[in-house]
Amino acid sequence: MPKSNKVFRGVIGHIALLILSFFVLVGIIESFQLFSFDLPFLNLLILGYMLVHTTLLLSSQLGVQILELIRVRMPTLLIAYYFQIEDCQTISIPLLDPTKSKFAVLIILLVITGGPVLFPIFAIYGFLLVYSFISVVPIEPSTILYYFGYFLNWMPPILAIIVGIIIISIVFVEFKHL
């Protein structure tokens, strides 16, 4: 029985983390539209930093989650992972150990430079956008197809390439250490 409870918690955790990642992705994609407005240079610079930072953190989060799904582990939220580890405790995932992996150093830098603040901002923004689309428009198959086409048209190809490269590189690095 304890084994099935752990599997159930893992499945629920992975689903919740995928939903959170989806909201962050929607927030990032919709934020790219703000560049079309006439914003001051400093605002554009800050928005650009926020978007690049959160895109890197999101792609790293998805890569680590895919590895955890392959290895059947509990999900790890990167923005909170290093805050849960005590000083005398060793890091259980070698990929996230900064003494063994350069990728872990990148994640720590992303967490230190604003990950716990920026990730929730885009998640809340994405949630509000999705909620407003769903609550305003009744869900019909044609509406779902329209929003799917809208999503595909506005998703920047560079984001897909970055996510793909980082996920593939994480999988290769992790399987190299086996």
Protein backbone atom coordinates (compact mmCIF):
# COMPACT_ATOMS: atom_id res chain seq x y z
CA MET A 1 0.00 0.00 0.00
CA PRO A 2 2.73 2.56 0.73
CA LYS A 3 4.18 1.95 -2.74
CA SER A 4 0.88 2.76 -4.47
CA ASN A 5 0.46 5.90 -2.33
CA LYS A 6 3.91 7.10 -3.42
CA VAL A 7 3.11 6.39 -7.09
CA PHE A 8 -0.20 8.26 -6.77
CA ARG A 9 1.54 11.27 -5.19
CA GLY A 10 4.17 11.18 -7.93
CA VAL A 11 1.56 11.13 -10.71
CA ILE A 12 -0.39 13.99 -9.11
CA GLY A 13 2.86 15.93 -8.56
CA HIS A 14 3.97 15.53 -12.18
CA ILE A 15 0.56 16.55 -13.49
CA ALA A 16 0.50 19.63 -11.23
CA LEU A 17 4.03 20.58 -12.30
CA LEU A 18 3.12 20.18 -15.99
CA ILE A 19 0.08 22.41 -15.51
CA LEU A 20 2.24 25.00 -13.73
CA SER A 21 4.77 24.83 -16.58
CA PHE A 22 1.96 25.28 -19.11
CA PHE A 23 0.78 28.43 -17.33
CA VAL A 24 4.34 29.78 -17.29
CA LEU A 25 4.69 29.03 -21.01
CA VAL A 26 1.42 30.84 -21.80
CA GLY A 27 2.62 33.81 -19.73
CA ILE A 28 5.92 33.89 -21.61
CA ILE A 29 4.31 33.62 -25.06
CA GLU A 30 1.76 36.33 -24.35
CA SER A 31 4.46 38.60 -22.91
CA PHE A 32 6.27 38.61 -26.25
CA GLN A 33 3.36 40.69 -27.58
CA LEU A 34 4.33 43.52 -25.22
CA PHE A 35 7.34 44.26 -27.42
CA SER A 36 4.96 45.58 -30.09
CA PHE A 37 3.89 48.44 -27.78
CA ASP A 38 5.89 51.63 -27.50
CA LEU A 39 7.56 50.97 -24.15
CA PRO A 40 10.50 52.89 -22.69
CA PHE A 41 13.92 51.29 -23.24
CA LEU A 42 14.40 50.40 -19.57
CA ASN A 43 11.06 48.58 -19.48
CA LEU A 44 11.98 46.67 -22.65
CA LEU A 45 15.32 45.73 -21.12
CA ILE A 46 13.72 44.45 -17.92
CA LEU A 47 11.03 42.57 -19.84
CA GLY A 48 13.67 41.02 -22.09
CA TYR A 49 15.67 39.89 -19.04
CA MET A 50 12.55 38.44 -17.43
CA LEU A 51 11.59 36.54 -20.60
CA VAL A 52 15.06 35.11 -21.28
CA HIS A 53 15.55 34.18 -17.62
CA THR A 54 12.20 32.47 -17.25
CA THR A 55 12.51 30.72 -20.63
CA LEU A 56 15.83 29.20 -19.57
CA LEU A 57 14.43 28.19 -16.19
CA LEU A 58 11.28 26.71 -17.75
CA SER A 59 13.21 24.67 -20.29
CA SER A 60 15.52 23.40 -17.55
CA GLN A 61 12.50 22.55 -15.40
CA LEU A 62 10.90 20.57 -18.23
CA GLY A 63 14.16 18.76 -18.98
CA VAL A 64 14.59 17.70 -15.36
CA GLN A 65 10.94 16.65 -15.19
CA ILE A 66 11.31 14.47 -18.30
CA LEU A 67 14.33 12.79 -16.71
CA GLU A 68 12.35 12.19 -13.53
CA LEU A 69 9.51 10.69 -15.54
CA ILE A 70 11.97 8.38 -17.34
CA ARG A 71 13.50 7.31 -14.04
CA VAL A 72 10.14 7.19 -12.21
CA ARG A 73 11.03 9.70 -9.49
CA MET A 74 9.03 12.27 -7.60
CA PRO A 75 8.85 15.66 -9.37
CA THR A 76 11.29 18.42 -8.47
CA LEU A 77 10.40 22.10 -8.61
CA LEU A 78 13.76 23.74 -9.35
CA ILE A 79 12.96 27.12 -7.82
CA ALA A 80 12.42 25.44 -4.45
CA TYR A 81 14.77 22.44 -4.67
CA TYR A 82 17.94 23.97 -3.22
CA PHE A 83 16.03 25.65 -0.39
CA GLN A 84 14.81 22.24 0.83
CA ILE A 85 18.30 20.76 1.24
CA GLU A 86 20.14 21.12 4.55
CA ASP A 87 23.82 22.09 4.69
CA CYS A 88 25.00 18.67 5.83
CA GLN A 89 22.72 16.79 3.42
CA THR A 90 23.97 15.54 0.05
CA ILE A 91 22.08 16.30 -3.15
CA SER A 92 20.30 13.14 -4.27
CA ILE A 93 20.17 13.96 -8.00
CA PRO A 94 23.70 14.11 -9.47
CA LEU A 95 22.55 16.35 -12.31
CA LEU A 96 21.50 18.99 -9.76
CA ASP A 97 24.71 18.78 -7.70
CA PRO A 98 26.80 21.88 -8.50
CA THR A 99 30.03 20.07 -7.61
CA LYS A 100 29.35 17.46 -10.31
CA SER A 101 27.43 19.32 -13.01
CA LYS A 102 27.76 22.68 -14.76
CA PHE A 103 24.05 22.49 -15.46
CA ALA A 104 23.40 22.65 -11.70
CA VAL A 105 25.52 25.81 -11.48
CA LEU A 106 23.35 27.38 -14.21
CA ILE A 107 20.20 26.43 -12.31
CA ILE A 108 21.55 27.88 -9.07
CA LEU A 109 22.40 31.12 -10.89
CA LEU A 110 18.89 31.24 -12.36
CA VAL A 111 17.37 30.65 -8.91
CA ILE A 112 19.57 33.28 -7.27
CA THR A 113 18.95 35.90 -9.96
CA GLY A 114 15.18 35.89 -9.57
CA GLY A 115 13.73 32.45 -10.27
CA PRO A 116 11.46 32.31 -7.19
CA VAL A 117 10.02 35.71 -8.16
CA LEU A 118 9.82 35.58 -11.96
CA PHE A 119 8.53 32.00 -12.33
CA PRO A 120 5.39 32.68 -10.20
CA ILE A 121 4.80 36.02 -11.96
CA PHE A 122 4.58 34.32 -15.36
CA ALA A 123 2.59 31.42 -13.87
CA ILE A 124 -0.03 33.78 -12.41
CA TYR A 125 -0.14 35.82 -15.62
CA GLY A 126 -0.57 32.65 -17.70
CA PHE A 127 -3.25 31.32 -15.35
CA LEU A 128 -5.21 34.56 -15.57
CA LEU A 129 -4.96 34.54 -19.37
CA VAL A 130 -6.12 30.93 -19.64
CA TYR A 131 -8.90 31.53 -17.12
CA SER A 132 -10.09 34.62 -19.00
CA PHE A 133 -10.14 32.72 -22.31
CA ILE A 134 -12.06 29.81 -20.80
CA SER A 135 -14.54 31.86 -18.77
CA VAL A 136 -15.40 34.31 -21.56
CA VAL A 137 -15.78 31.86 -24.41
CA PRO A 138 -17.82 28.69 -24.06
CA ILE A 139 -15.77 25.64 -24.88
CA GLU A 140 -16.73 24.28 -28.28
CA PRO A 141 -14.59 22.20 -30.63
CA SER A 142 -14.25 25.10 -33.06
CA THR A 143 -13.14 27.41 -30.24
CA ILE A 144 -10.58 24.89 -29.02
CA LEU A 145 -9.22 24.55 -32.56
CA TYR A 146 -9.08 28.34 -32.91
CA TYR A 147 -7.07 28.74 -29.70
CA PHE A 148 -4.81 25.87 -30.66
CA GLY A 149 -4.08 27.59 -33.98
CA TYR A 150 -3.60 30.89 -32.15
CA PHE A 151 -1.11 29.21 -29.81
CA LEU A 152 0.79 27.65 -32.69
CA ASN A 153 0.97 30.95 -34.59
CA TRP A 154 2.31 32.96 -31.65
CA MET A 155 4.72 30.40 -30.23
CA PRO A 156 8.16 31.57 -31.23
CA PRO A 157 10.17 28.88 -33.02
CA ILE A 158 13.28 29.93 -31.14
CA LEU A 159 11.60 28.97 -27.85
CA ALA A 160 10.83 25.51 -29.20
CA ILE A 161 14.40 25.06 -30.43
CA ILE A 162 15.86 26.17 -27.08
CA VAL A 163 13.56 23.86 -25.12
CA GLY A 164 14.36 20.94 -27.44
CA ILE A 165 18.11 21.45 -27.30
CA ILE A 166 18.18 21.76 -23.52
CA ILE A 167 15.93 18.73 -22.97
CA ILE A 168 17.96 16.57 -25.35
CA SER A 169 21.24 17.70 -23.81
CA ILE A 170 19.98 16.94 -20.30
CA VAL A 171 18.89 13.47 -21.35
CA PHE A 172 22.25 12.81 -23.05
CA VAL A 173 24.24 14.07 -20.07
CA GLU A 174 22.17 12.07 -17.60
CA PHE A 175 22.44 8.85 -19.59
CA LYS A 176 26.18 9.44 -20.02
CA HIS A 177 26.57 9.26 -16.23
CA LEU A 178 24.85 5.86 -16.02
